[in-house]
Amino acid sequence: MKNTILTTRIIFFTLCLIGCGFIWYTNPALRSNTTIIFGLGITLCLLTMVVDFALKKLSVRKLISLSFGLGIGAFLAYIIENLPFFDIVNPEIKHFGLTALYIACMYLGVIMMLRSKNDFNLLIPYIRLVPQNNENPLIIVDGSALIDGRIAPICQSRFITSTLIVPKFVLEELHKTAESEDTQRQLKGRKGIEALNKLKNMTYIDLRIQDIEVDSAQHIDSKLIFLAQNLKAKLLTTDHNLAKLAEFHGIEWLNIGAITKALNPEISVGQYFDVDLVKLGKEPHQGVGYLADGSMVVVNEAVSYIGQAVAAEVISVLPSAGGKMIFARLHTKSAEMSA
């Protein structure tokens, strides 16, 4: 992008010089003022580039908002101008009055648009991020989902086919976190940015980092809720408080933890599996291990296998706060190996 802009500026400067040369060549009377002609051309070119640099941070949304505000103001002034009470005989007073009227109305139009820019930005089809006839659902991704990191392998599995939207203010918040003096916050911020970079590299994922303007005074959670409501999007987060706030506002939210939990295999009585025993159980003859989802497995008569992998047969499954507690006994295969 930067190279394209630089090339465009060079071409523009070259065209200005060619234009000056054309004027100088086609007007013999001006040939004695060569320095003035080329000086004015170069000055005009440089002034245009100065304006270009000054408008560097002016987004398309701001430009549309300002233009729309000016248009509304001018239209309102035109209506007032044609009202009977504005029929002023004195041309000088009328000219001054019309000038003041148009300036005042256009100013008020711009101010009105700036105050309601959040609503206006989301009314324009271009600002709604996708064409209105696009049936692909939208998912807004918050910082907690990126920091969690599991979104990358989930998207890599191609289970998510929706358009993922990461608002720019979420990205800025991640950068602030990554630059924090607190080591833990730094690690979280960098982990979130790393997950986002992984998503960018997945060509089959429709990922959009959108510079969507929302009142900067609002809390980041309020911004996400506002966007999700206006874009009719789902919210992907691991923040429980934000999820509850989304539910309150009628916004559908996706919980990565729920997805992970749903993918855990069901354990039933009589099933057997391999598990690494890592410590003693509550009873002297028990060995304890853990499954990939964190479920505790207590194996009877397995104290001599601690530090090894054994085949365990499930004899009962109890729910617990951390997931499941599975009681098992040594499967025949492990018993035979011991013998």
Protein backbone atom coordinates (compact mmCIF):
# COMPACT_ATOMS: atom_id res chain seq x y z
CA MET A 1 0.00 0.00 0.00
CA LYS A 2 2.79 2.45 0.93
CA ASN A 3 4.66 1.73 -2.30
CA THR A 4 1.47 2.28 -4.33
CA ILE A 5 0.84 5.65 -2.64
CA LEU A 6 4.46 6.73 -3.19
CA THR A 7 4.27 5.73 -6.86
CA THR A 8 1.01 7.70 -7.25
CA ARG A 9 2.63 10.81 -5.73
CA ILE A 10 5.63 10.51 -8.07
CA ILE A 11 3.30 10.16 -11.07
CA PHE A 12 1.28 13.18 -9.89
CA PHE A 13 4.46 15.29 -9.52
CA THR A 14 5.60 14.19 -12.99
CA LEU A 15 2.22 15.09 -14.52
CA CYS A 16 2.42 18.54 -12.91
CA LEU A 17 5.82 19.11 -14.54
CA ILE A 18 4.50 17.85 -17.89
CA GLY A 19 1.49 20.18 -17.54
CA CYS A 20 3.77 23.13 -16.88
CA GLY A 21 5.87 22.18 -19.90
CA PHE A 22 2.76 21.91 -22.07
CA ILE A 23 1.55 25.37 -21.00
CA TRP A 24 5.02 26.79 -21.60
CA TYR A 25 5.24 25.17 -25.07
CA THR A 26 1.74 26.11 -26.29
CA ASN A 27 1.93 29.74 -25.12
CA PRO A 28 4.92 31.52 -26.72
CA ALA A 29 4.08 34.70 -24.81
CA LEU A 30 4.78 32.93 -21.51
CA ARG A 31 8.14 31.50 -22.48
CA SER A 32 9.93 34.47 -20.98
CA ASN A 33 8.39 33.52 -17.58
CA THR A 34 9.65 29.92 -17.49
CA THR A 35 10.72 30.12 -13.84
CA ILE A 36 7.35 31.52 -12.75
CA ILE A 37 5.34 28.89 -14.69
CA PHE A 38 7.30 25.91 -13.33
CA GLY A 39 7.51 27.51 -9.87
CA LEU A 40 3.71 27.90 -9.69
CA GLY A 41 3.21 24.34 -10.98
CA ILE A 42 5.57 22.82 -8.42
CA THR A 43 4.07 24.98 -5.63
CA LEU A 44 0.55 23.83 -6.54
CA CYS A 45 1.77 20.21 -6.59
CA LEU A 46 3.45 20.54 -3.18
CA LEU A 47 0.39 22.28 -1.66
CA THR A 48 -1.78 19.42 -2.92
CA MET A 49 0.58 16.91 -1.28
CA VAL A 50 0.49 18.91 1.98
CA VAL A 51 -3.31 18.60 1.94
CA ASP A 52 -2.84 14.90 1.21
CA PHE A 53 -0.67 14.48 4.33
CA ALA A 54 -3.09 16.58 6.40
CA LEU A 55 -5.97 14.29 5.40
CA LYS A 56 -3.95 11.13 6.11
CA LYS A 57 -6.06 10.19 9.14
CA LEU A 58 -9.37 11.15 7.52
CA SER A 59 -11.18 7.86 6.91
CA VAL A 60 -13.81 7.28 4.24
CA ARG A 61 -16.46 7.14 6.97
CA LYS A 62 -15.48 10.58 8.29
CA LEU A 63 -15.43 12.01 4.79
CA ILE A 64 -18.89 10.59 4.03
CA SER A 65 -20.22 11.84 7.38
CA LEU A 66 -18.85 15.36 6.80
CA SER A 67 -20.13 15.44 3.22
CA PHE A 68 -23.55 14.24 4.31
CA GLY A 69 -23.66 16.88 7.07
CA LEU A 70 -22.69 19.63 4.62
CA GLY A 71 -25.34 18.40 2.17
CA ILE A 72 -28.10 18.40 4.82
CA GLY A 73 -27.06 21.90 5.96
CA ALA A 74 -27.03 23.25 2.40
CA PHE A 75 -30.42 21.66 1.66
CA LEU A 76 -31.93 23.16 4.83
CA ALA A 77 -30.49 26.59 3.95
CA TYR A 78 -31.95 26.30 0.42
CA ILE A 79 -35.41 25.61 1.87
CA ILE A 80 -35.14 28.60 4.24
CA GLU A 81 -33.87 30.80 1.39
CA ASN A 82 -37.03 30.15 -0.60
CA LEU A 83 -39.42 30.92 2.26
CA PRO A 84 -41.45 34.15 1.87
CA PHE A 85 -39.99 35.89 4.92
CA PHE A 86 -36.46 35.67 3.45
CA ASP A 87 -37.40 37.81 0.43
CA ILE A 88 -35.07 40.78 1.16
CA VAL A 89 -35.08 43.71 -1.27
CA ASN A 90 -31.62 45.10 -0.50
CA PRO A 91 -29.20 42.90 -2.55
CA GLU A 92 -26.21 43.54 -0.26
CA ILE A 93 -28.12 42.58 2.89
CA LYS A 94 -29.64 39.58 1.10
CA HIS A 95 -26.20 38.40 -0.08
CA PHE A 96 -24.76 38.74 3.43
CA GLY A 97 -27.81 37.03 4.94
CA LEU A 98 -27.63 34.09 2.50
CA THR A 99 -23.91 33.65 3.16
CA ALA A 100 -24.46 33.61 6.91
CA LEU A 101 -27.46 31.27 6.52
CA TYR A 102 -25.55 28.71 4.44
CA ILE A 103 -22.50 28.81 6.73
CA ALA A 104 -24.63 28.39 9.86
CA CYS A 105 -26.77 25.57 8.43
CA MET A 106 -23.80 23.67 7.02
CA TYR A 107 -21.96 24.04 10.33
CA LEU A 108 -24.97 22.69 12.23
CA GLY A 109 -25.27 19.83 9.72
CA VAL A 110 -21.64 18.81 10.24
CA ILE A 111 -21.99 19.05 14.06
CA MET A 112 -25.15 16.93 13.94
CA MET A 113 -23.40 14.23 11.90
CA LEU A 114 -20.36 14.21 14.19
CA ARG A 115 -22.57 13.80 17.25
CA SER A 116 -24.49 10.90 15.68
CA LYS A 117 -21.56 9.38 13.76
CA ASN A 118 -21.91 5.99 15.43
CA ASP A 119 -25.46 5.53 14.10
CA PHE A 120 -24.65 7.04 10.71
CA ASN A 121 -21.60 4.83 10.17
CA LEU A 122 -23.76 1.75 10.56
CA LEU A 123 -26.51 2.97 8.23
CA ILE A 124 -24.34 3.08 5.12
CA PRO A 125 -24.05 -0.27 3.29
CA TYR A 126 -20.29 0.27 2.85
CA ILE A 127 -19.83 0.67 6.58
CA ARG A 128 -21.88 -2.43 7.34
CA LEU A 129 -18.78 -4.36 6.39
CA VAL A 130 -20.46 -6.73 3.94
CA PRO A 131 -22.97 -6.34 1.11
CA GLN A 132 -26.55 -6.42 2.35
CA ASN A 133 -27.34 -9.47 0.24
CA ASN A 134 -24.51 -11.47 1.83
CA GLU A 135 -26.02 -14.30 3.85
CA ASN A 136 -22.73 -15.21 5.53
CA PRO A 137 -23.26 -14.60 9.28
CA LEU A 138 -20.97 -12.25 11.18
CA ILE A 139 -19.05 -13.07 14.36
CA ILE A 140 -17.38 -10.32 16.37
CA VAL A 141 -14.25 -11.61 18.14
CA ASP A 142 -13.23 -9.94 21.40
CA GLY A 143 -9.79 -9.78 23.02
CA SER A 144 -10.43 -12.56 25.53
CA ALA A 145 -11.16 -15.06 22.73
CA LEU A 146 -7.88 -14.16 21.01
CA ILE A 147 -5.89 -14.31 24.25
CA ASP A 148 -7.44 -17.71 24.99
CA GLY A 149 -5.78 -18.94 21.79
CA ARG A 150 -8.08 -21.88 21.07
CA ILE A 151 -9.84 -19.95 18.32
CA ALA A 152 -6.87 -20.58 15.98
CA PRO A 153 -7.01 -24.41 15.99
CA ILE A 154 -10.83 -24.29 15.88
CA CYS A 155 -10.70 -22.14 12.73
CA GLN A 156 -7.92 -24.32 11.35
CA SER A 157 -10.30 -27.28 11.56
CA ARG A 158 -12.66 -25.27 9.28
CA PHE A 159 -15.63 -25.69 11.60
CA ILE A 160 -16.17 -21.90 11.56
CA THR A 161 -17.32 -20.61 8.16
CA SER A 162 -18.72 -17.26 9.30
CA THR A 163 -17.05 -13.90 8.71
CA LEU A 164 -14.85 -13.04 11.69
CA ILE A 165 -14.71 -9.35 12.59
CA VAL A 166 -12.00 -7.98 14.88
CA PRO A 167 -12.73 -4.28 15.64
CA LYS A 168 -9.67 -2.05 15.55
CA PHE A 169 -10.23 -0.95 19.15
CA VAL A 170 -9.87 -4.61 20.23
CA LEU A 171 -6.56 -4.81 18.35
CA GLU A 172 -5.40 -1.54 19.98
CA GLU A 173 -6.33 -2.95 23.40
CA LEU A 174 -4.24 -6.06 22.67
CA HIS A 175 -1.25 -3.89 21.70
CA LYS A 176 -1.60 -1.88 24.93
CA THR A 177 -1.72 -5.12 26.92
CA ALA A 178 1.36 -6.46 25.09
CA GLU A 179 3.26 -3.26 25.91
CA SER A 180 2.25 -3.30 29.58
CA GLU A 181 4.92 -3.25 32.28
CA ASP A 182 3.21 -6.22 33.94
CA THR A 183 4.83 -9.43 32.66
CA GLN A 184 1.62 -11.47 32.83
CA ARG A 185 -0.32 -8.84 30.87
CA GLN A 186 2.50 -8.72 28.30
CA LEU A 187 2.28 -12.47 27.77
CA LYS A 188 -1.51 -12.31 27.38
CA GLY A 189 -1.32 -9.47 24.86
CA ARG A 190 1.37 -11.20 22.81
CA LYS A 191 -0.57 -14.46 22.87
CA GLY A 192 -3.65 -12.66 21.53
CA ILE A 193 -1.67 -10.97 18.74
CA GLU A 194 -0.03 -14.30 17.87
CA ALA A 195 -3.47 -15.96 17.60
CA LEU A 196 -4.66 -13.12 15.35
CA ASN A 197 -1.62 -13.52 13.09
CA LYS A 198 -2.39 -17.24 12.77
CA LEU A 199 -5.94 -16.39 11.69
CA LYS A 200 -4.60 -13.90 9.12
CA ASN A 201 -2.50 -16.63 7.54
CA MET A 202 -5.54 -18.90 7.08
CA THR A 203 -6.63 -18.01 3.55
CA TYR A 204 -9.89 -19.95 3.93
CA ILE A 205 -11.01 -17.77 6.86
CA ASP A 206 -12.85 -14.53 6.08
CA LEU A 207 -11.15 -12.32 8.69
CA ARG A 208 -11.75 -8.57 8.72
CA ILE A 209 -10.03 -6.06 10.96
CA GLN A 210 -12.44 -3.13 10.81
CA ASP A 211 -11.78 0.47 11.78
CA ILE A 212 -15.28 0.96 13.15
CA GLU A 213 -15.83 4.24 14.96
CA VAL A 214 -17.53 3.99 18.33
CA ASP A 215 -17.58 6.64 21.05
CA SER A 216 -14.13 6.40 22.67
CA ALA A 217 -15.61 7.24 26.07
CA GLN A 218 -17.51 3.94 26.15
CA HIS A 219 -16.11 0.88 27.89
CA ILE A 220 -14.81 -1.74 25.47
CA ASP A 221 -17.60 -4.16 26.49
CA SER A 222 -20.23 -1.52 25.66
CA LYS A 223 -18.59 -0.96 22.26
CA LEU A 224 -18.75 -4.67 21.47
CA ILE A 225 -22.41 -4.87 22.50
CA PHE A 226 -23.22 -1.80 20.39
CA LEU A 227 -21.53 -3.27 17.31
CA ALA A 228 -23.09 -6.69 17.73
CA GLN A 229 -26.55 -5.13 17.97
CA ASN A 230 -26.11 -2.87 14.94
CA LEU A 231 -24.42 -5.48 12.76
CA LYS A 232 -26.76 -8.27 13.92
CA ALA A 233 -23.65 -10.31 14.67
CA LYS A 234 -22.83 -13.03 17.16
CA LEU A 235 -20.19 -12.43 19.82
CA LEU A 236 -17.26 -14.80 20.35
CA THR A 237 -15.82 -14.39 23.84
CA THR A 238 -14.52 -16.25 26.89
CA ASP A 239 -15.36 -13.33 29.21
CA HIS A 240 -18.24 -14.56 31.39
CA ASN A 241 -19.37 -11.04 32.37
CA LEU A 242 -19.43 -9.88 28.75
CA ALA A 243 -21.33 -13.03 27.80
CA LYS A 244 -23.99 -12.34 30.43
CA LEU A 245 -24.24 -8.71 29.25
CA ALA A 246 -24.68 -9.96 25.68
CA GLU A 247 -27.45 -12.33 26.78
CA PHE A 248 -29.19 -9.44 28.55
CA HIS A 249 -29.19 -7.45 25.30
CA GLY A 250 -30.46 -10.42 23.30
CA ILE A 251 -27.14 -11.04 21.50
CA GLU A 252 -26.18 -14.60 20.71
CA TRP A 253 -22.72 -15.41 22.04
CA LEU A 254 -20.35 -18.26 21.28
CA ASN A 255 -18.41 -19.83 24.13
CA ILE A 256 -15.11 -21.47 23.16
CA GLY A 257 -15.12 -23.35 26.47
CA ALA A 258 -18.51 -24.87 25.61
CA ILE A 259 -17.17 -25.95 22.20
CA THR A 260 -14.16 -27.61 23.82
CA LYS A 261 -16.33 -29.31 26.43
CA ALA A 262 -18.72 -30.60 23.76
CA LEU A 263 -15.80 -32.18 21.88
CA ASN A 264 -14.63 -34.18 24.92
CA PRO A 265 -15.41 -37.89 24.44
CA GLU A 266 -18.13 -39.42 26.60
CA ILE A 267 -16.87 -41.87 29.21
CA SER A 268 -19.12 -44.80 30.09
CA VAL A 269 -18.93 -47.77 32.48
CA GLY A 270 -17.10 -50.73 30.97
CA GLN A 271 -15.02 -48.55 28.62
CA TYR A 272 -11.25 -48.76 28.93
CA PHE A 273 -8.47 -46.38 27.94
CA ASP A 274 -4.80 -45.63 28.60
CA VAL A 275 -3.94 -43.12 31.32
CA ASP A 276 -0.67 -41.97 32.90
CA LEU A 277 -0.69 -42.38 36.69
CA VAL A 278 1.05 -39.43 38.32
CA LYS A 279 0.40 -39.69 42.07
CA LEU A 280 -1.06 -41.69 44.96
CA GLY A 281 -4.79 -41.68 45.55
CA LYS A 282 -6.71 -41.09 48.77
CA GLU A 283 -6.51 -44.80 49.52
CA PRO A 284 -3.08 -46.48 49.75
CA HIS A 285 -3.78 -48.86 46.85
CA GLN A 286 -4.98 -46.19 44.41
CA GLY A 287 -3.15 -44.43 41.61
CA VAL A 288 -4.39 -41.13 40.11
CA GLY A 289 -4.11 -39.81 36.58
CA TYR A 290 -5.81 -37.17 34.42
CA LEU A 291 -7.45 -37.16 31.02
CA ALA A 292 -6.78 -34.44 28.42
CA ASP A 293 -9.90 -32.52 29.51
CA GLY A 294 -8.72 -32.44 33.13
CA SER A 295 -10.99 -35.22 34.42
CA MET A 296 -9.47 -37.13 37.35
CA VAL A 297 -9.09 -40.89 36.99
CA VAL A 298 -8.71 -42.96 40.16
CA VAL A 299 -7.47 -46.49 39.45
CA ASN A 300 -7.77 -49.15 42.16
CA GLU A 301 -4.90 -51.53 42.93
CA ALA A 302 -2.56 -49.44 40.80
CA VAL A 303 -0.11 -48.00 43.33
CA SER A 304 2.77 -49.97 41.82
CA TYR A 305 2.12 -48.37 38.38
CA ILE A 306 2.60 -44.73 39.41
CA GLY A 307 4.81 -43.05 36.82
CA GLN A 308 3.61 -45.42 34.10
CA ALA A 309 0.78 -45.61 31.55
CA VAL A 310 -1.84 -48.27 32.28
CA ALA A 311 -5.00 -49.54 30.63
CA ALA A 312 -7.90 -48.71 32.97
CA GLU A 313 -11.47 -50.02 32.84
CA VAL A 314 -14.19 -47.63 34.01
CA ILE A 315 -16.35 -48.86 36.89
CA SER A 316 -18.14 -45.59 37.76
CA VAL A 317 -18.31 -41.93 36.71
CA LEU A 318 -19.18 -39.11 39.12
CA PRO A 319 -19.73 -35.44 38.11
CA SER A 320 -17.58 -32.87 39.91
CA ALA A 321 -16.94 -29.12 39.89
CA GLY A 322 -13.89 -29.66 37.66
CA GLY A 323 -15.69 -31.92 35.21
CA LYS A 324 -15.78 -35.66 35.98
CA MET A 325 -14.24 -38.02 38.50
CA ILE A 326 -13.73 -41.46 37.00
CA PHE A 327 -13.18 -44.56 39.09
CA ALA A 328 -11.52 -47.46 37.33
CA ARG A 329 -9.68 -50.71 37.84
CA LEU A 330 -6.73 -52.13 36.03
CA HIS A 331 -7.71 -53.64 32.74
CA THR A 332 -6.70 -57.22 32.01
CA LYS A 333 -3.92 -56.06 29.69
CA SER A 334 -2.14 -54.12 32.46
CA ALA A 335 -2.69 -56.90 35.00
CA GLU A 336 -1.14 -59.44 32.64
CA MET A 337 1.85 -57.19 32.03
CA SER A 338 2.34 -56.89 35.80
CA ALA A 339 2.21 -60.64 36.22
